[in-house]
Amino acid sequence: MSIIIFLILLVLLWQGVYWLGVEVLALWKLYSVPSPAGVAERFVELVQDGTLGAATVNSLIRGVSGYAIAVAIGFTLGLLLHHFKYLQKNLKPIVLGVQTLPSVCWVPFSILWFGLSTQAILFVVVMGAAFSIAISVDNAIKNIQPIYAKAALTMGASKQQLYTRVVFPAALPELVSGLKQGWSFAWRALMAGEVMTTSIGLGQTLITGRDLADINQVMLVMLVIVIIGILIDKCIFSVIEKHLLKKRGLWAE
């Protein structure tokens, strides 16, 4: 209940600042500052004509698809980095360096290789998230207490059993945190890919608002992007994290 009251107060403050700065003191131009009323009106219009729904669904499909591919690639690369010392020494610094690249840097490559297509957007998403996930997987496994692996090997565990029965269960909480971080990278990369293409999505809808000088539409899409990110974190990753921590007796109510 407190969060609802806080949000209502935040919206009222926003509307008050808009009214004071635009209509009373004329500090800002009408078209340059969004207002809660204007955003709400644009929301109704875009929902009624189906634009916002189609853009949201398309973005979610692309985001989930690209993220799934990034998880597969990131897990594989992370395991290879951990398992082979040669790759750990020589390849990991490169992976760390590439991971720092803003996702928008991959857009020219994606357009040249795949054109203005869904594949181009997926490529940006994968490149934006896979390396972060790979680093998280490597670090999660590396941070496991060495005594766990030694005890398992002493008891006759095979390499496969070592990973399935000891390594992955022990690293699971940190792996989930890494996957959550990977999703945030994937979601941001998706927006970077969509704003550069003509495919219907939240990013393209945001750019349309910019081209039309419709600041309320721009603000609306930004809010939708933020809300989706929060909902996915709260409804999926936070639930999984809470379950894992409770199972290990580490969750404090």
C-alpha atoms as a PDB file:
ATOM      1  CA  MET A   1       0.000   0.000   0.000  1.00  0.00           C
ATOM      2  CA  SER A   2       2.846   2.394   0.834  1.00  0.00           C
ATOM      3  CA  ILE A   3       4.335   1.997  -2.653  1.00  0.00           C
ATOM      4  CA  ILE A   4       0.983   2.976  -4.221  1.00  0.00           C
ATOM      5  CA  ILE A   5       0.780   6.111  -2.078  1.00  0.00           C
ATOM      6  CA  PHE A   6       4.373   6.954  -2.960  1.00  0.00           C
ATOM      7  CA  LEU A   7       3.687   6.577  -6.699  1.00  0.00           C
ATOM      8  CA  ILE A   8       0.563   8.745  -6.469  1.00  0.00           C
ATOM      9  CA  LEU A   9       2.536  11.455  -4.680  1.00  0.00           C
ATOM     10  CA  LEU A  10       5.299  11.155  -7.305  1.00  0.00           C
ATOM     11  CA  VAL A  11       2.807  11.634 -10.153  1.00  0.00           C
ATOM     12  CA  LEU A  12       1.215  14.600  -8.378  1.00  0.00           C
ATOM     13  CA  LEU A  13       4.646  16.152  -7.894  1.00  0.00           C
ATOM     14  CA  TRP A  14       5.444  15.565 -11.566  1.00  0.00           C
ATOM     15  CA  GLN A  15       2.178  17.222 -12.643  1.00  0.00           C
ATOM     16  CA  GLY A  16       2.815  20.124 -10.281  1.00  0.00           C
ATOM     17  CA  VAL A  17       6.315  20.722 -11.630  1.00  0.00           C
ATOM     18  CA  TYR A  18       4.967  20.566 -15.206  1.00  0.00           C
ATOM     19  CA  TRP A  19       2.169  23.017 -14.452  1.00  0.00           C
ATOM     20  CA  LEU A  20       4.504  25.436 -12.688  1.00  0.00           C
ATOM     21  CA  GLY A  21       7.325  25.250 -15.228  1.00  0.00           C
ATOM     22  CA  VAL A  22       5.266  25.228 -18.423  1.00  0.00           C
ATOM     23  CA  GLU A  23       1.997  27.008 -17.761  1.00  0.00           C
ATOM     24  CA  VAL A  24       2.851  29.433 -14.956  1.00  0.00           C
ATOM     25  CA  LEU A  25       6.496  30.452 -15.301  1.00  0.00           C
ATOM     26  CA  ALA A  26       6.911  29.426 -18.963  1.00  0.00           C
ATOM     27  CA  LEU A  27      10.378  28.046 -18.249  1.00  0.00           C
ATOM     28  CA  TRP A  28       9.984  25.216 -20.759  1.00  0.00           C
ATOM     29  CA  LYS A  29       8.297  24.771 -24.093  1.00  0.00           C
ATOM     30  CA  LEU A  30       5.039  22.803 -24.132  1.00  0.00           C
ATOM     31  CA  TYR A  31       6.430  20.222 -26.575  1.00  0.00           C
ATOM     32  CA  SER A  32       9.674  19.632 -24.665  1.00  0.00           C
ATOM     33  CA  VAL A  33       8.357  18.432 -21.289  1.00  0.00           C
ATOM     34  CA  PRO A  34       6.011  15.457 -20.770  1.00  0.00           C
ATOM     35  CA  SER A  35       3.118  15.631 -18.356  1.00  0.00           C
ATOM     36  CA  PRO A  36       1.270  12.813 -16.558  1.00  0.00           C
ATOM     37  CA  ALA A  37      -1.997  13.852 -18.209  1.00  0.00           C
ATOM     38  CA  GLY A  38      -0.384  13.903 -21.647  1.00  0.00           C
ATOM     39  CA  VAL A  39       1.267  10.531 -21.111  1.00  0.00           C
ATOM     40  CA  ALA A  40      -2.029   9.026 -19.920  1.00  0.00           C
ATOM     41  CA  GLU A  41      -3.855  10.435 -22.964  1.00  0.00           C
ATOM     42  CA  ARG A  42      -1.207   9.030 -25.314  1.00  0.00           C
ATOM     43  CA  PHE A  43      -1.414   5.687 -23.509  1.00  0.00           C
ATOM     44  CA  VAL A  44      -5.147   5.450 -24.191  1.00  0.00           C
ATOM     45  CA  GLU A  45      -4.647   6.360 -27.865  1.00  0.00           C
ATOM     46  CA  LEU A  46      -1.857   3.827 -28.461  1.00  0.00           C
ATOM     47  CA  VAL A  47      -3.766   1.088 -26.644  1.00  0.00           C
ATOM     48  CA  GLN A  48      -6.923   1.726 -28.618  1.00  0.00           C
ATOM     49  CA  ASP A  49      -5.201   1.593 -32.012  1.00  0.00           C
ATOM     50  CA  GLY A  50      -3.202  -1.499 -30.973  1.00  0.00           C
ATOM     51  CA  THR A  51       0.222   0.090 -31.447  1.00  0.00           C
ATOM     52  CA  LEU A  52       1.410  -0.237 -27.868  1.00  0.00           C
ATOM     53  CA  GLY A  53       0.195  -3.825 -27.485  1.00  0.00           C
ATOM     54  CA  ALA A  54       1.833  -4.983 -30.713  1.00  0.00           C
ATOM     55  CA  ALA A  55       5.077  -3.179 -29.893  1.00  0.00           C
ATOM     56  CA  THR A  56       5.209  -4.666 -26.388  1.00  0.00           C
ATOM     57  CA  VAL A  57       4.504  -8.221 -27.551  1.00  0.00           C
ATOM     58  CA  ASN A  58       7.066  -8.015 -30.361  1.00  0.00           C
ATOM     59  CA  SER A  59       9.726  -6.625 -28.041  1.00  0.00           C
ATOM     60  CA  LEU A  60       9.078  -9.301 -25.417  1.00  0.00           C
ATOM     61  CA  ILE A  61       9.297 -12.086 -28.018  1.00  0.00           C
ATOM     62  CA  ARG A  62      12.559 -10.716 -29.374  1.00  0.00           C
ATOM     63  CA  GLY A  63      13.936 -10.098 -25.893  1.00  0.00           C
ATOM     64  CA  VAL A  64      13.145 -13.576 -24.599  1.00  0.00           C
ATOM     65  CA  SER A  65      14.385 -15.260 -27.798  1.00  0.00           C
ATOM     66  CA  GLY A  66      17.647 -13.329 -27.843  1.00  0.00           C
ATOM     67  CA  TYR A  67      18.126 -13.845 -24.117  1.00  0.00           C
ATOM     68  CA  ALA A  68      17.634 -17.622 -24.455  1.00  0.00           C
ATOM     69  CA  ILE A  69      20.296 -17.763 -27.168  1.00  0.00           C
ATOM     70  CA  ALA A  70      22.599 -15.571 -25.066  1.00  0.00           C
ATOM     71  CA  VAL A  71      22.152 -17.886 -22.051  1.00  0.00           C
ATOM     72  CA  ALA A  72      23.081 -20.940 -24.135  1.00  0.00           C
ATOM     73  CA  ILE A  73      26.162 -19.240 -25.568  1.00  0.00           C
ATOM     74  CA  GLY A  74      27.121 -17.592 -22.276  1.00  0.00           C
ATOM     75  CA  PHE A  75      26.850 -20.811 -20.263  1.00  0.00           C
ATOM     76  CA  THR A  76      28.939 -22.717 -22.780  1.00  0.00           C
ATOM     77  CA  LEU A  77      31.584 -20.013 -22.956  1.00  0.00           C
ATOM     78  CA  GLY A  78      31.643 -19.612 -19.174  1.00  0.00           C
ATOM     79  CA  LEU A  79      32.176 -23.340 -18.655  1.00  0.00           C
ATOM     80  CA  LEU A  80      34.967 -23.364 -21.235  1.00  0.00           C
ATOM     81  CA  LEU A  81      36.651 -20.409 -19.562  1.00  0.00           C
ATOM     82  CA  HIS A  82      36.516 -22.158 -16.209  1.00  0.00           C
ATOM     83  CA  HIS A  83      37.558 -25.590 -17.452  1.00  0.00           C
ATOM     84  CA  PHE A  84      40.522 -24.642 -19.643  1.00  0.00           C
ATOM     85  CA  LYS A  85      43.312 -22.617 -18.064  1.00  0.00           C
ATOM     86  CA  TYR A  86      44.575 -21.533 -21.483  1.00  0.00           C
ATOM     87  CA  LEU A  87      41.228 -19.888 -22.266  1.00  0.00           C
ATOM     88  CA  GLN A  88      41.049 -18.455 -18.744  1.00  0.00           C
ATOM     89  CA  LYS A  89      44.408 -16.763 -19.247  1.00  0.00           C
ATOM     90  CA  ASN A  90      44.093 -15.622 -22.848  1.00  0.00           C
ATOM     91  CA  LEU A  91      40.417 -15.439 -23.796  1.00  0.00           C
ATOM     92  CA  LYS A  92      38.815 -14.088 -20.617  1.00  0.00           C
ATOM     93  CA  PRO A  93      40.513 -10.651 -20.827  1.00  0.00           C
ATOM     94  CA  ILE A  94      39.113 -10.325 -24.349  1.00  0.00           C
ATOM     95  CA  VAL A  95      35.653 -11.374 -23.160  1.00  0.00           C
ATOM     96  CA  LEU A  96      35.863  -8.821 -20.342  1.00  0.00           C
ATOM     97  CA  GLY A  97      36.856  -6.133 -22.820  1.00  0.00           C
ATOM     98  CA  VAL A  98      34.122  -6.949 -25.322  1.00  0.00           C
ATOM     99  CA  GLN A  99      31.549  -7.070 -22.522  1.00  0.00           C
ATOM    100  CA  THR A 100      32.223  -3.398 -21.765  1.00  0.00           C
ATOM    101  CA  LEU A 101      31.188  -2.356 -25.281  1.00  0.00           C
ATOM    102  CA  PRO A 102      27.845  -0.536 -25.393  1.00  0.00           C
ATOM    103  CA  SER A 103      25.266  -2.624 -27.234  1.00  0.00           C
ATOM    104  CA  VAL A 104      24.765   0.105 -29.817  1.00  0.00           C
ATOM    105  CA  CYS A 105      28.281  -0.621 -31.107  1.00  0.00           C
ATOM    106  CA  TRP A 106      26.994  -3.914 -32.545  1.00  0.00           C
ATOM    107  CA  VAL A 107      24.181  -2.257 -34.500  1.00  0.00           C
ATOM    108  CA  PRO A 108      26.269  -1.380 -37.603  1.00  0.00           C
ATOM    109  CA  PHE A 109      27.517  -4.977 -37.806  1.00  0.00           C
ATOM    110  CA  SER A 110      24.004  -6.363 -37.405  1.00  0.00           C
ATOM    111  CA  ILE A 111      22.572  -4.130 -40.129  1.00  0.00           C
ATOM    112  CA  LEU A 112      25.420  -4.901 -42.553  1.00  0.00           C
ATOM    113  CA  TRP A 113      25.180  -8.648 -41.932  1.00  0.00           C
ATOM    114  CA  PHE A 114      21.430  -9.143 -41.515  1.00  0.00           C
ATOM    115  CA  GLY A 115      19.831  -5.982 -42.895  1.00  0.00           C
ATOM    116  CA  LEU A 116      16.881  -4.276 -41.200  1.00  0.00           C
ATOM    117  CA  SER A 117      15.434  -7.534 -39.902  1.00  0.00           C
ATOM    118  CA  THR A 118      14.520  -9.350 -36.715  1.00  0.00           C
ATOM    119  CA  GLN A 119      17.762 -11.329 -37.003  1.00  0.00           C
ATOM    120  CA  ALA A 120      19.694  -8.062 -36.758  1.00  0.00           C
ATOM    121  CA  ILE A 121      17.915  -7.186 -33.507  1.00  0.00           C
ATOM    122  CA  LEU A 122      18.491 -10.659 -32.072  1.00  0.00           C
ATOM    123  CA  PHE A 123      22.186 -10.403 -32.930  1.00  0.00           C
ATOM    124  CA  VAL A 124      22.474  -7.170 -30.923  1.00  0.00           C
ATOM    125  CA  VAL A 125      20.645  -8.745 -27.987  1.00  0.00           C
ATOM    126  CA  VAL A 126      22.865 -11.832 -27.990  1.00  0.00           C
ATOM    127  CA  MET A 127      26.083  -9.847 -28.259  1.00  0.00           C
ATOM    128  CA  GLY A 128      24.903  -7.503 -25.523  1.00  0.00           C
ATOM    129  CA  ALA A 129      24.145 -10.264 -22.996  1.00  0.00           C
ATOM    130  CA  ALA A 130      26.162 -13.405 -23.800  1.00  0.00           C
ATOM    131  CA  PHE A 131      29.541 -12.148 -22.585  1.00  0.00           C
ATOM    132  CA  SER A 132      28.104 -10.848 -19.319  1.00  0.00           C
ATOM    133  CA  ILE A 133      26.517 -14.245 -18.675  1.00  0.00           C
ATOM    134  CA  ALA A 134      29.771 -16.050 -19.546  1.00  0.00           C
ATOM    135  CA  ILE A 135      31.712 -13.974 -17.018  1.00  0.00           C
ATOM    136  CA  SER A 136      29.023 -14.551 -14.384  1.00  0.00           C
ATOM    137  CA  VAL A 137      29.090 -18.322 -14.922  1.00  0.00           C
ATOM    138  CA  ASP A 138      32.877 -18.432 -14.671  1.00  0.00           C
ATOM    139  CA  ASN A 139      32.908 -16.306 -11.514  1.00  0.00           C
ATOM    140  CA  ALA A 140      30.045 -18.250  -9.896  1.00  0.00           C
ATOM    141  CA  ILE A 141      31.864 -21.553 -10.305  1.00  0.00           C
ATOM    142  CA  LYS A 142      35.175 -20.031  -9.281  1.00  0.00           C
ATOM    143  CA  ASN A 143      33.704 -18.685  -6.032  1.00  0.00           C
ATOM    144  CA  ILE A 144      32.631 -22.139  -4.811  1.00  0.00           C
ATOM    145  CA  GLN A 145      34.568 -23.388  -1.812  1.00  0.00           C
ATOM    146  CA  PRO A 146      37.351 -25.681  -3.177  1.00  0.00           C
ATOM    147  CA  ILE A 147      36.704 -28.148  -0.366  1.00  0.00           C
ATOM    148  CA  TYR A 148      33.380 -29.088  -1.990  1.00  0.00           C
ATOM    149  CA  ALA A 149      35.025 -30.337  -5.160  1.00  0.00           C
ATOM    150  CA  LYS A 150      37.854 -32.028  -3.264  1.00  0.00           C
ATOM    151  CA  ALA A 151      35.411 -33.862  -1.015  1.00  0.00           C
ATOM    152  CA  ALA A 152      33.324 -35.007  -3.999  1.00  0.00           C
ATOM    153  CA  LEU A 153      36.390 -36.276  -5.883  1.00  0.00           C
ATOM    154  CA  THR A 154      37.653 -38.037  -2.760  1.00  0.00           C
ATOM    155  CA  MET A 155      34.320 -39.841  -2.526  1.00  0.00           C
ATOM    156  CA  GLY A 156      34.705 -41.062  -6.093  1.00  0.00           C
ATOM    157  CA  ALA A 157      32.529 -38.577  -7.990  1.00  0.00           C
ATOM    158  CA  SER A 158      33.040 -38.465 -11.742  1.00  0.00           C
ATOM    159  CA  LYS A 159      33.529 -35.194 -13.640  1.00  0.00           C
ATOM    160  CA  GLN A 160      29.892 -35.236 -14.689  1.00  0.00           C
ATOM    161  CA  GLN A 161      28.698 -35.893 -11.138  1.00  0.00           C
ATOM    162  CA  LEU A 162      31.021 -33.190  -9.853  1.00  0.00           C
ATOM    163  CA  TYR A 163      29.280 -30.592 -11.996  1.00  0.00           C
ATOM    164  CA  THR A 164      25.681 -31.855 -11.703  1.00  0.00           C
ATOM    165  CA  ARG A 165      25.713 -32.797  -7.992  1.00  0.00           C
ATOM    166  CA  VAL A 166      28.192 -30.314  -6.484  1.00  0.00           C
ATOM    167  CA  VAL A 167      29.303 -27.418  -8.679  1.00  0.00           C
ATOM    168  CA  PHE A 168      25.999 -26.261 -10.159  1.00  0.00           C
ATOM    169  CA  PRO A 169      23.916 -26.618  -6.958  1.00  0.00           C
ATOM    170  CA  ALA A 170      26.546 -24.722  -4.960  1.00  0.00           C
ATOM    171  CA  ALA A 171      26.845 -21.982  -7.578  1.00  0.00           C
ATOM    172  CA  LEU A 172      23.103 -21.689  -8.257  1.00  0.00           C
ATOM    173  CA  PRO A 173      22.364 -18.505  -6.234  1.00  0.00           C
ATOM    174  CA  GLU A 174      25.209 -16.636  -7.890  1.00  0.00           C
ATOM    175  CA  LEU A 175      24.272 -18.087 -11.280  1.00  0.00           C
ATOM    176  CA  VAL A 176      20.752 -16.720 -10.898  1.00  0.00           C
ATOM    177  CA  SER A 177      22.179 -13.301 -10.060  1.00  0.00           C
ATOM    178  CA  GLY A 178      24.315 -13.518 -13.178  1.00  0.00           C
ATOM    179  CA  LEU A 179      21.309 -14.489 -15.278  1.00  0.00           C
ATOM    180  CA  LYS A 180      19.359 -11.548 -13.891  1.00  0.00           C
ATOM    181  CA  GLN A 181      22.175  -9.219 -14.813  1.00  0.00           C
ATOM    182  CA  GLY A 182      22.314 -10.847 -18.243  1.00  0.00           C
ATOM    183  CA  TRP A 183      18.606 -10.134 -18.728  1.00  0.00           C
ATOM    184  CA  SER A 184      19.118  -6.446 -17.921  1.00  0.00           C
ATOM    185  CA  PHE A 185      21.883  -6.304 -20.545  1.00  0.00           C
ATOM    186  CA  ALA A 186      19.675  -8.152 -23.047  1.00  0.00           C
ATOM    187  CA  TRP A 187      16.714  -5.821 -22.454  1.00  0.00           C
ATOM    188  CA  ARG A 188      18.846  -2.718 -22.919  1.00  0.00           C
ATOM    189  CA  ALA A 189      20.498  -4.214 -26.003  1.00  0.00           C
ATOM    190  CA  LEU A 190      17.060  -4.955 -27.441  1.00  0.00           C
ATOM    191  CA  MET A 191      16.114  -1.291 -27.229  1.00  0.00           C
ATOM    192  CA  ALA A 192      19.412  -0.315 -28.885  1.00  0.00           C
ATOM    193  CA  GLY A 193      18.659  -2.725 -31.724  1.00  0.00           C
ATOM    194  CA  GLU A 194      15.042  -1.692 -32.170  1.00  0.00           C
ATOM    195  CA  VAL A 195      15.680   2.047 -32.342  1.00  0.00           C
ATOM    196  CA  MET A 196      17.957   1.463 -35.338  1.00  0.00           C
ATOM    197  CA  THR A 197      15.494  -0.619 -37.351  1.00  0.00           C
ATOM    198  CA  THR A 198      11.991  -0.286 -38.748  1.00  0.00           C
ATOM    199  CA  SER A 199      10.592  -3.402 -37.054  1.00  0.00           C
ATOM    200  CA  ILE A 200       7.578  -2.765 -34.826  1.00  0.00           C
ATOM    201  CA  GLY A 201       8.669  -2.731 -31.189  1.00  0.00           C
ATOM    202  CA  LEU A 202       9.017  -0.474 -28.179  1.00  0.00           C
ATOM    203  CA  GLY A 203      12.283   0.963 -29.451  1.00  0.00           C
ATOM    204  CA  GLN A 204      10.785   1.805 -32.831  1.00  0.00           C
ATOM    205  CA  THR A 205       7.704   3.310 -31.148  1.00  0.00           C
ATOM    206  CA  LEU A 206       9.989   5.498 -29.042  1.00  0.00           C
ATOM    207  CA  ILE A 207      11.817   6.755 -32.142  1.00  0.00           C
ATOM    208  CA  THR A 208       8.487   7.429 -33.852  1.00  0.00           C
ATOM    209  CA  GLY A 209       7.555   9.636 -30.916  1.00  0.00           C
ATOM    210  CA  ARG A 210      10.845  11.484 -31.309  1.00  0.00           C
ATOM    211  CA  ASP A 211      10.323  11.971 -35.048  1.00  0.00           C
ATOM    212  CA  LEU A 212       6.838  13.348 -34.399  1.00  0.00           C
ATOM    213  CA  ALA A 213       8.169  15.596 -31.595  1.00  0.00           C
ATOM    214  CA  ASP A 214       5.680  13.817 -29.305  1.00  0.00           C
ATOM    215  CA  ILE A 215       7.458  13.943 -25.965  1.00  0.00           C
ATOM    216  CA  ASN A 216       4.527  12.259 -24.226  1.00  0.00           C
ATOM    217  CA  GLN A 217       4.848   9.188 -26.443  1.00  0.00           C
ATOM    218  CA  VAL A 218       8.580   9.080 -25.792  1.00  0.00           C
ATOM    219  CA  MET A 219       7.987   9.243 -22.044  1.00  0.00           C
ATOM    220  CA  LEU A 220       5.231   6.633 -22.245  1.00  0.00           C
ATOM    221  CA  VAL A 221       7.472   4.121 -24.020  1.00  0.00           C
ATOM    222  CA  MET A 222      10.274   4.764 -21.531  1.00  0.00           C
ATOM    223  CA  LEU A 223       7.877   4.058 -18.667  1.00  0.00           C
ATOM    224  CA  VAL A 224       6.654   0.847 -20.337  1.00  0.00           C
ATOM    225  CA  ILE A 225      10.260  -0.328 -20.799  1.00  0.00           C
ATOM    226  CA  VAL A 226      11.026   0.362 -17.117  1.00  0.00           C
ATOM    227  CA  ILE A 227       7.812  -1.283 -15.878  1.00  0.00           C
ATOM    228  CA  ILE A 228       8.421  -4.442 -17.922  1.00  0.00           C
ATOM    229  CA  GLY A 229      11.955  -4.655 -16.569  1.00  0.00           C
ATOM    230  CA  ILE A 230      10.711  -4.296 -12.990  1.00  0.00           C
ATOM    231  CA  LEU A 231       7.928  -6.870 -13.461  1.00  0.00           C
ATOM    232  CA  ILE A 232      10.269  -9.479 -14.945  1.00  0.00           C
ATOM    233  CA  ASP A 233      12.726  -8.956 -12.114  1.00  0.00           C
ATOM    234  CA  LYS A 234      10.074  -9.124  -9.384  1.00  0.00           C
ATOM    235  CA  CYS A 235       7.959 -11.923 -10.864  1.00  0.00           C
ATOM    236  CA  ILE A 236      10.735 -14.226 -12.106  1.00  0.00           C
ATOM    237  CA  PHE A 237      14.278 -13.589 -10.917  1.00  0.00           C
ATOM    238  CA  SER A 238      13.467 -12.282  -7.438  1.00  0.00           C
ATOM    239  CA  VAL A 239      11.078 -15.191  -6.840  1.00  0.00           C
ATOM    240  CA  ILE A 240      13.738 -17.723  -7.849  1.00  0.00           C
ATOM    241  CA  GLU A 241      16.378 -15.986  -5.721  1.00  0.00           C
ATOM    242  CA  LYS A 242      14.064 -15.894  -2.717  1.00  0.00           C
ATOM    243  CA  HIS A 243      13.263 -19.592  -3.103  1.00  0.00           C
ATOM    244  CA  LEU A 244      16.940 -20.555  -3.330  1.00  0.00           C
ATOM    245  CA  LEU A 245      17.955 -18.429  -0.355  1.00  0.00           C
ATOM    246  CA  LYS A 246      15.069 -19.746   1.743  1.00  0.00           C
ATOM    247  CA  LYS A 247      16.054 -23.302   0.854  1.00  0.00           C
ATOM    248  CA  ARG A 248      19.548 -22.598   2.151  1.00  0.00           C
ATOM    249  CA  GLY A 249      18.334 -20.748   5.240  1.00  0.00           C
ATOM    250  CA  LEU A 250      19.790 -17.452   4.075  1.00  0.00           C
ATOM    251  CA  TRP A 251      16.573 -15.459   3.550  1.00  0.00           C
ATOM    252  CA  ALA A 252      15.687 -12.884   6.187  1.00  0.00           C
ATOM    253  CA  GLU A 253      12.039 -11.828   6.190  1.00  0.00           C
END
